[in-house]
Amino acid sequence: MLRLAQVDDYRPQPFTIAGWQVPDMGTSIDSLESRGIDCIRYEGMDQDDRGIWTTPSGDQVAWFKDPEGNTLSLTCFGGG
């Protein structure tokens, strides 16, 4: 179940508000890019040319914005 609340004076926050686990980061990024969505690049983070950050444990994370300016993320545990 997912519950959402309408907020009359909403402002996007500077942090990730929702994230999804994906089985394959490359395929997921391809799908976003085909829809004109680019990953966010953060200064000081060692992200690859597609904007994917690989954690020390090998998990992959990528961030992007929705049309309202909210930061969302994808995570692929163990890479892939």
N, C-alpha and C. Protein backbone atom coordinates (compact mmCIF):
# COMPACT_ATOMS: atom_id res chain seq x y z
N MET A 1 0.84 -1.17 0.00
CA MET A 1 0.00 0.00 0.00
C MET A 1 0.89 1.24 0.00
N LEU A 2 0.45 2.25 -0.69
CA LEU A 2 1.13 3.53 -0.73
C LEU A 2 0.10 4.60 -0.38
N ARG A 3 0.40 5.40 0.60
CA ARG A 3 -0.50 6.49 0.98
C ARG A 3 0.13 7.82 0.59
N LEU A 4 -0.65 8.70 0.03
CA LEU A 4 -0.20 10.03 -0.37
C LEU A 4 -1.10 11.07 0.26
N ALA A 5 -0.51 12.21 0.52
CA ALA A 5 -1.29 13.32 1.09
C ALA A 5 -1.14 14.54 0.21
N GLN A 6 -2.24 15.21 -0.05
CA GLN A 6 -2.20 16.46 -0.80
C GLN A 6 -1.77 17.58 0.14
N VAL A 7 -0.83 18.38 -0.34
CA VAL A 7 -0.32 19.50 0.45
C VAL A 7 -0.56 20.76 -0.37
N ASP A 8 -1.24 21.73 0.22
CA ASP A 8 -1.60 22.93 -0.51
C ASP A 8 -0.40 23.79 -0.89
N ASP A 9 0.60 23.91 -0.01
CA ASP A 9 1.75 24.77 -0.26
C ASP A 9 3.02 23.93 -0.30
N TYR A 10 3.05 22.96 -1.20
CA TYR A 10 4.18 22.04 -1.26
C TYR A 10 5.38 22.68 -1.94
N ARG A 11 6.55 22.41 -1.39
CA ARG A 11 7.82 22.81 -2.01
C ARG A 11 8.71 21.57 -2.06
N PRO A 12 9.31 21.27 -3.22
CA PRO A 12 10.22 20.12 -3.29
C PRO A 12 11.34 20.26 -2.27
N GLN A 13 11.74 19.16 -1.70
CA GLN A 13 12.79 19.13 -0.69
C GLN A 13 14.13 18.76 -1.35
N PRO A 14 15.24 19.09 -0.70
CA PRO A 14 16.56 18.82 -1.30
C PRO A 14 17.06 17.39 -1.08
N PHE A 15 16.20 16.50 -0.66
CA PHE A 15 16.62 15.12 -0.40
C PHE A 15 15.69 14.17 -1.14
N THR A 16 16.08 12.90 -1.21
CA THR A 16 15.29 11.89 -1.89
C THR A 16 14.00 11.64 -1.12
N ILE A 17 12.85 11.76 -1.79
CA ILE A 17 11.57 11.54 -1.10
C ILE A 17 10.98 10.17 -1.37
N ALA A 18 11.47 9.50 -2.43
CA ALA A 18 10.98 8.14 -2.74
C ALA A 18 12.04 7.44 -3.57
N GLY A 19 12.11 6.14 -3.39
CA GLY A 19 13.08 5.36 -4.16
C GLY A 19 12.55 3.98 -4.45
N TRP A 20 13.08 3.37 -5.49
CA TRP A 20 12.65 2.05 -5.90
C TRP A 20 13.85 1.14 -6.07
N GLN A 21 13.68 -0.12 -5.70
CA GLN A 21 14.68 -1.13 -5.97
C GLN A 21 14.43 -1.66 -7.37
N VAL A 22 15.48 -1.75 -8.17
CA VAL A 22 15.35 -2.25 -9.54
C VAL A 22 16.30 -3.44 -9.73
N PRO A 23 15.94 -4.38 -10.60
CA PRO A 23 16.79 -5.55 -10.80
C PRO A 23 18.00 -5.28 -11.68
N ASP A 24 17.92 -4.27 -12.54
CA ASP A 24 19.01 -3.98 -13.48
C ASP A 24 19.09 -2.47 -13.68
N MET A 25 20.16 -1.87 -13.19
CA MET A 25 20.28 -0.41 -13.26
C MET A 25 20.38 0.08 -14.70
N GLY A 26 21.16 -0.59 -15.54
CA GLY A 26 21.32 -0.15 -16.92
C GLY A 26 20.00 -0.10 -17.67
N THR A 27 19.20 -1.14 -17.56
CA THR A 27 17.90 -1.18 -18.22
C THR A 27 16.99 -0.09 -17.68
N SER A 28 17.03 0.13 -16.38
CA SER A 28 16.18 1.16 -15.76
C SER A 28 16.58 2.56 -16.22
N ILE A 29 17.88 2.82 -16.29
CA ILE A 29 18.36 4.12 -16.77
C ILE A 29 18.01 4.29 -18.25
N ASP A 30 18.15 3.23 -19.04
CA ASP A 30 17.76 3.30 -20.46
C ASP A 30 16.30 3.72 -20.59
N SER A 31 15.44 3.16 -19.75
CA SER A 31 14.01 3.47 -19.80
C SER A 31 13.77 4.94 -19.45
N LEU A 32 14.46 5.44 -18.43
CA LEU A 32 14.30 6.86 -18.06
C LEU A 32 14.80 7.76 -19.18
N GLU A 33 15.98 7.46 -19.70
CA GLU A 33 16.56 8.29 -20.75
C GLU A 33 15.69 8.31 -22.01
N SER A 34 15.03 7.20 -22.31
CA SER A 34 14.15 7.16 -23.49
C SER A 34 12.95 8.08 -23.32
N ARG A 35 12.68 8.46 -22.09
CA ARG A 35 11.57 9.38 -21.79
C ARG A 35 12.06 10.80 -21.52
N GLY A 36 13.36 11.03 -21.78
CA GLY A 36 13.92 12.37 -21.62
C GLY A 36 14.32 12.71 -20.20
N ILE A 37 14.46 11.71 -19.35
CA ILE A 37 14.82 11.94 -17.94
C ILE A 37 16.30 11.63 -17.76
N ASP A 38 17.04 12.60 -17.24
CA ASP A 38 18.46 12.42 -16.99
C ASP A 38 18.72 12.28 -15.50
N CYS A 39 19.75 11.55 -15.17
CA CYS A 39 20.14 11.40 -13.76
C CYS A 39 20.76 12.70 -13.25
N ILE A 40 20.60 12.92 -11.98
CA ILE A 40 21.20 14.07 -11.30
C ILE A 40 22.65 13.74 -11.00
N ARG A 41 23.51 14.70 -11.21
CA ARG A 41 24.92 14.56 -10.85
C ARG A 41 25.20 15.42 -9.62
N TYR A 42 25.84 14.82 -8.65
CA TYR A 42 26.18 15.51 -7.42
C TYR A 42 27.69 15.73 -7.35
N GLU A 43 28.08 16.97 -7.13
CA GLU A 43 29.49 17.31 -7.01
C GLU A 43 30.13 16.53 -5.86
N GLY A 44 31.28 15.97 -6.12
CA GLY A 44 32.00 15.24 -5.09
C GLY A 44 31.65 13.77 -5.00
N MET A 45 30.65 13.33 -5.77
CA MET A 45 30.29 11.90 -5.79
C MET A 45 30.90 11.26 -7.03
N ASP A 46 31.43 10.08 -6.87
CA ASP A 46 32.07 9.37 -7.97
C ASP A 46 31.03 8.62 -8.79
N GLN A 47 30.26 9.37 -9.59
CA GLN A 47 29.24 8.79 -10.44
C GLN A 47 29.83 8.51 -11.82
N ASP A 48 29.32 7.46 -12.48
CA ASP A 48 29.82 7.15 -13.81
C ASP A 48 29.22 8.11 -14.84
N ASP A 49 29.52 7.87 -16.12
CA ASP A 49 29.06 8.79 -17.16
C ASP A 49 27.55 8.84 -17.31
N ARG A 50 26.83 7.88 -16.74
CA ARG A 50 25.36 7.90 -16.79
C ARG A 50 24.75 8.47 -15.52
N GLY A 51 25.59 8.81 -14.54
CA GLY A 51 25.10 9.38 -13.29
C GLY A 51 24.86 8.34 -12.21
N ILE A 52 25.37 7.13 -12.39
CA ILE A 52 25.18 6.05 -11.43
C ILE A 52 26.35 6.04 -10.44
N TRP A 53 26.02 6.02 -9.17
CA TRP A 53 27.02 5.93 -8.10
C TRP A 53 27.07 4.49 -7.61
N THR A 54 28.26 3.94 -7.50
CA THR A 54 28.44 2.60 -6.96
C THR A 54 28.98 2.73 -5.54
N THR A 55 28.24 2.17 -4.59
CA THR A 55 28.63 2.24 -3.18
C THR A 55 29.83 1.33 -2.93
N PRO A 56 30.51 1.51 -1.81
CA PRO A 56 31.63 0.63 -1.48
C PRO A 56 31.26 -0.86 -1.46
N SER A 57 30.00 -1.18 -1.16
CA SER A 57 29.57 -2.58 -1.13
C SER A 57 29.14 -3.10 -2.50
N GLY A 58 29.15 -2.23 -3.53
CA GLY A 58 28.81 -2.65 -4.89
C GLY A 58 27.39 -2.35 -5.32
N ASP A 59 26.55 -1.82 -4.42
CA ASP A 59 25.20 -1.42 -4.81
C ASP A 59 25.29 -0.20 -5.73
N GLN A 60 24.32 -0.05 -6.60
CA GLN A 60 24.27 1.09 -7.51
C GLN A 60 23.07 1.96 -7.17
N VAL A 61 23.28 3.28 -7.22
CA VAL A 61 22.22 4.24 -6.93
C VAL A 61 22.25 5.34 -7.99
N ALA A 62 21.06 5.76 -8.42
CA ALA A 62 20.94 6.87 -9.35
C ALA A 62 19.76 7.72 -8.90
N TRP A 63 19.88 9.03 -9.09
CA TRP A 63 18.83 9.96 -8.68
C TRP A 63 18.33 10.71 -9.89
N PHE A 64 17.07 11.11 -9.84
CA PHE A 64 16.47 11.89 -10.91
C PHE A 64 15.32 12.70 -10.32
N LYS A 65 14.83 13.67 -11.09
CA LYS A 65 13.73 14.53 -10.64
C LYS A 65 12.44 14.14 -11.35
N ASP A 66 11.33 14.25 -10.63
CA ASP A 66 10.02 14.09 -11.27
C ASP A 66 9.58 15.44 -11.82
N PRO A 67 8.46 15.52 -12.54
CA PRO A 67 8.04 16.80 -13.12
C PRO A 67 7.80 17.92 -12.10
N GLU A 68 7.57 17.56 -10.84
CA GLU A 68 7.34 18.58 -9.81
C GLU A 68 8.62 19.03 -9.13
N GLY A 69 9.75 18.42 -9.50
CA GLY A 69 11.04 18.80 -8.91
C GLY A 69 11.45 17.95 -7.72
N ASN A 70 10.70 16.91 -7.41
CA ASN A 70 11.05 16.01 -6.32
C ASN A 70 12.22 15.12 -6.72
N THR A 71 13.10 14.84 -5.79
CA THR A 71 14.22 13.93 -6.05
C THR A 71 13.78 12.51 -5.74
N LEU A 72 13.97 11.63 -6.73
CA LEU A 72 13.62 10.22 -6.63
C LEU A 72 14.89 9.41 -6.90
N SER A 73 14.89 8.14 -6.47
CA SER A 73 16.08 7.34 -6.69
C SER A 73 15.75 5.93 -7.13
N LEU A 74 16.74 5.31 -7.74
CA LEU A 74 16.72 3.89 -8.09
C LEU A 74 17.91 3.25 -7.40
N THR A 75 17.74 2.04 -6.88
CA THR A 75 18.83 1.29 -6.26
C THR A 75 18.83 -0.12 -6.80
N CYS A 76 20.01 -0.58 -7.18
CA CYS A 76 20.19 -1.96 -7.62
C CYS A 76 21.19 -2.59 -6.65
N PHE A 77 20.71 -3.48 -5.79
CA PHE A 77 21.58 -4.10 -4.81
C PHE A 77 22.51 -5.10 -5.50
N GLY A 78 23.78 -5.00 -5.19
CA GLY A 78 24.77 -5.89 -5.79
C GLY A 78 25.20 -5.49 -7.19
N GLY A 79 24.77 -4.31 -7.64
CA GLY A 79 25.12 -3.85 -8.99
C GLY A 79 24.30 -4.55 -10.05
N GLY A 80 24.60 -4.23 -11.29
CA GLY A 80 23.88 -4.89 -12.37
C GLY A 80 23.25 -3.96 -13.34
